[in-house]
Protein backbone atom coordinates (compact mmCIF):
# COMPACT_ATOMS: atom_id res chain seq x y z
CA MET A 1 138.42 129.75 120.51
CA SER A 2 140.78 126.81 120.52
CA LYS A 3 141.88 125.07 117.36
CA SER A 4 139.89 122.01 118.39
CA GLN A 5 136.63 123.98 118.40
CA THR A 6 134.72 124.36 115.17
CA ILE A 7 132.22 126.91 114.08
CA SER A 8 128.84 125.51 113.12
CA THR A 9 127.49 126.34 109.67
CA SER A 10 124.12 127.07 111.23
CA VAL A 11 122.84 129.15 114.10
CA SER A 12 119.67 127.10 114.17
CA ASP A 13 118.41 123.82 115.50
CA PRO A 14 118.41 121.30 112.60
CA THR A 15 114.72 120.61 113.17
CA VAL A 16 113.91 124.31 112.93
CA ALA A 17 116.02 124.62 109.78
CA ALA A 18 114.31 121.67 108.12
CA GLY A 19 110.86 122.98 109.02
CA ALA A 20 111.62 126.46 107.76
CA ALA A 21 113.11 125.11 104.52
CA GLN A 22 110.00 122.98 103.97
CA PHE A 23 107.89 126.14 103.84
CA LEU A 24 110.39 128.54 102.26
CA SER A 25 111.49 126.30 99.35
CA PRO A 26 108.16 126.37 97.45
CA VAL A 27 108.10 130.15 97.85
CA VAL A 28 111.60 130.45 96.37
CA LEU A 29 110.73 128.21 93.42
CA GLY A 30 107.46 130.05 92.74
CA LEU A 31 109.21 133.41 92.80
CA GLN A 32 111.94 132.16 90.48
CA ALA A 33 109.24 130.93 88.08
CA LEU A 34 107.54 134.34 88.29
CA THR A 35 110.87 135.95 87.44
CA VAL A 36 111.16 133.91 84.25
CA ASN A 37 107.49 134.08 83.27
CA GLY A 38 107.24 137.77 84.10
CA LYS A 39 110.13 138.50 81.77
CA GLN A 40 108.46 136.37 79.08
CA ALA A 41 105.31 138.44 79.48
CA HIS A 42 107.35 141.68 79.51
CA TRP A 43 108.89 140.86 76.13
CA HIS A 44 105.63 139.82 74.47
CA VAL A 45 102.99 142.23 75.75
CA ARG A 46 100.95 144.02 73.10
CA GLY A 47 98.05 146.47 73.13
CA ALA A 48 96.87 149.85 74.31
CA ASN A 49 98.45 149.51 77.76
CA PHE A 50 101.79 148.39 76.36
CA VAL A 51 104.13 150.87 78.05
CA GLY A 52 102.51 150.72 81.48
CA VAL A 53 102.27 146.93 81.55
CA HIS A 54 105.72 146.45 79.98
CA GLU A 55 107.37 148.63 82.64
CA LEU A 56 105.30 147.21 85.51
CA LEU A 57 106.28 143.68 84.53
CA ASP A 58 109.95 144.64 84.76
CA THR A 59 109.32 145.93 88.29
CA ILE A 60 107.49 142.73 89.24
CA VAL A 61 110.34 140.61 87.85
CA ALA A 62 112.87 142.59 89.88
CA HIS A 63 110.79 142.22 93.05
CA ALA A 64 110.31 138.47 92.53
CA GLY A 65 114.04 138.00 92.06
CA GLU A 66 114.85 139.98 95.20
CA TRP A 67 112.28 138.09 97.29
CA ALA A 68 113.46 134.71 95.98
CA ASP A 69 117.00 135.67 96.97
CA THR A 70 115.90 136.76 100.44
CA ALA A 71 113.96 133.53 101.10
CA ALA A 72 116.74 131.34 99.67
CA GLU A 73 119.37 133.12 101.75
CA ARG A 74 117.25 132.52 104.85
CA ILE A 75 117.31 128.78 104.15
CA VAL A 76 121.08 128.85 103.65
CA ALA A 77 121.57 130.98 106.78
CA LEU A 78 119.77 128.22 108.70
CA GLY A 79 122.36 125.78 107.38
CA LEU A 80 120.54 124.01 104.57
CA PRO A 81 120.92 124.13 100.79
CA ILE A 82 118.18 125.23 98.41
CA ASP A 83 117.58 123.50 95.09
CA ALA A 84 116.53 126.26 92.70
CA ARG A 85 118.13 124.80 89.59
CA VAL A 86 116.32 125.23 86.30
CA GLN A 87 114.68 121.80 86.43
CA SER A 88 113.36 122.44 89.96
CA VAL A 89 111.91 125.81 88.98
CA ALA A 90 110.44 124.30 85.80
CA ALA A 91 108.71 121.58 87.80
CA LYS A 92 107.17 124.22 90.07
CA ALA A 93 106.18 126.40 87.09
CA LYS A 94 104.14 123.71 85.28
CA ALA A 95 100.87 125.34 86.27
CA THR A 96 101.78 128.81 85.02
CA GLU A 97 99.57 130.62 82.59
CA VAL A 98 101.94 132.90 80.66
CA PRO A 99 101.92 132.03 76.92
CA ALA A 100 105.01 131.71 74.73
CA GLY A 101 104.22 134.41 72.19
CA PHE A 102 102.78 137.87 71.66
CA THR A 103 99.67 138.44 73.73
CA LYS A 104 97.29 141.33 74.42
CA SER A 105 98.09 143.17 77.62
CA ASP A 106 94.80 142.35 79.38
CA GLU A 107 95.33 138.62 78.81
CA LEU A 108 98.94 138.74 79.98
CA VAL A 109 97.99 140.71 83.08
CA ARG A 110 95.42 138.06 84.00
CA ASP A 111 98.01 135.32 83.38
CA VAL A 112 100.63 136.97 85.59
CA ILE A 113 98.00 137.56 88.28
CA ALA A 114 97.22 133.82 88.15
CA ASP A 115 100.94 133.11 88.66
CA ILE A 116 101.06 135.50 91.61
CA ASP A 117 97.93 133.89 93.08
CA ALA A 118 99.60 130.47 92.89
CA ILE A 119 102.63 131.80 94.77
CA LEU A 120 100.40 133.45 97.35
CA VAL A 121 98.95 130.03 98.20
CA ASP A 122 102.47 128.84 99.12
CA VAL A 123 103.21 132.12 100.90
CA LYS A 124 100.08 131.84 103.06
CA ALA A 125 100.91 128.21 103.89
CA ALA A 126 104.42 129.31 104.86
CA ILE A 127 103.12 132.07 107.11
CA ASP A 128 100.81 129.64 108.88
CA GLY A 129 103.35 126.84 109.08
CA LEU A 130 106.24 128.99 110.25
CA ASP A 131 104.23 130.45 113.14
CA GLU A 132 105.27 127.58 115.41
CA ILE A 133 108.67 126.90 113.80
CA ASP A 134 110.65 130.07 113.12
CA LEU A 135 109.31 133.59 113.52
CA THR A 136 112.24 135.16 111.68
CA SER A 137 111.51 133.05 108.60
CA GLN A 138 107.82 133.89 109.00
CA ASP A 139 108.72 137.58 108.99
CA VAL A 140 110.57 137.12 105.69
CA VAL A 141 107.50 135.51 104.14
CA ILE A 142 105.12 138.13 105.54
CA GLU A 143 107.19 140.82 103.82
CA ILE A 144 107.09 138.83 100.56
CA MET A 145 103.31 138.57 100.85
CA ARG A 146 102.98 142.31 101.39
CA GLY A 147 104.97 143.01 98.26
CA LEU A 148 103.27 140.38 96.10
CA GLU A 149 99.85 141.68 97.08
CA LYS A 150 100.91 145.21 96.15
CA ASP A 151 102.29 144.08 92.77
CA ARG A 152 99.09 142.09 92.18
CA TRP A 153 97.02 145.21 92.95
CA PHE A 154 99.04 147.28 90.46
CA LEU A 155 98.49 144.63 87.77
CA PHE A 156 94.82 144.24 88.58
CA ALA A 157 94.28 147.98 88.15
CA HIS A 158 95.09 147.48 84.44
CA VAL A 159 92.17 145.08 83.89
CA SER A 160 89.57 146.15 86.47
CA GLU A 161 86.51 148.05 85.38
């Protein structure tokens, strides 16, 4: 490569990058909100299922953080920035259900499930939208959906009858 040649910051068409970021960004913000709210729930869970729910919430928080990182890094790999600053995550998290204080485990489980369900709406939209834009980004989101649905199932098992 000559000195006059430059290396692009992206391997992608700018239109593809913008389209992928449009669908991935809400997923990143939702997962970051789940990370914060899941930890809040983890610290404040009370009741008969304390240990199981407390430990499961830590696992869910770890997963959400990993998936947010994966989706954010996909956006950056396509050559665009991601705005996941606190104020951006807080704006996305306005509809969350997790309370500020001590709460019975069954209530907290339902609240975290509601948060997961809200993220799954964005995940499903991303899967559909990315089908014609970027299959690699779609694959990232499909894997996130698989994991979120599994974590949701584990939580739901604590409150199902």
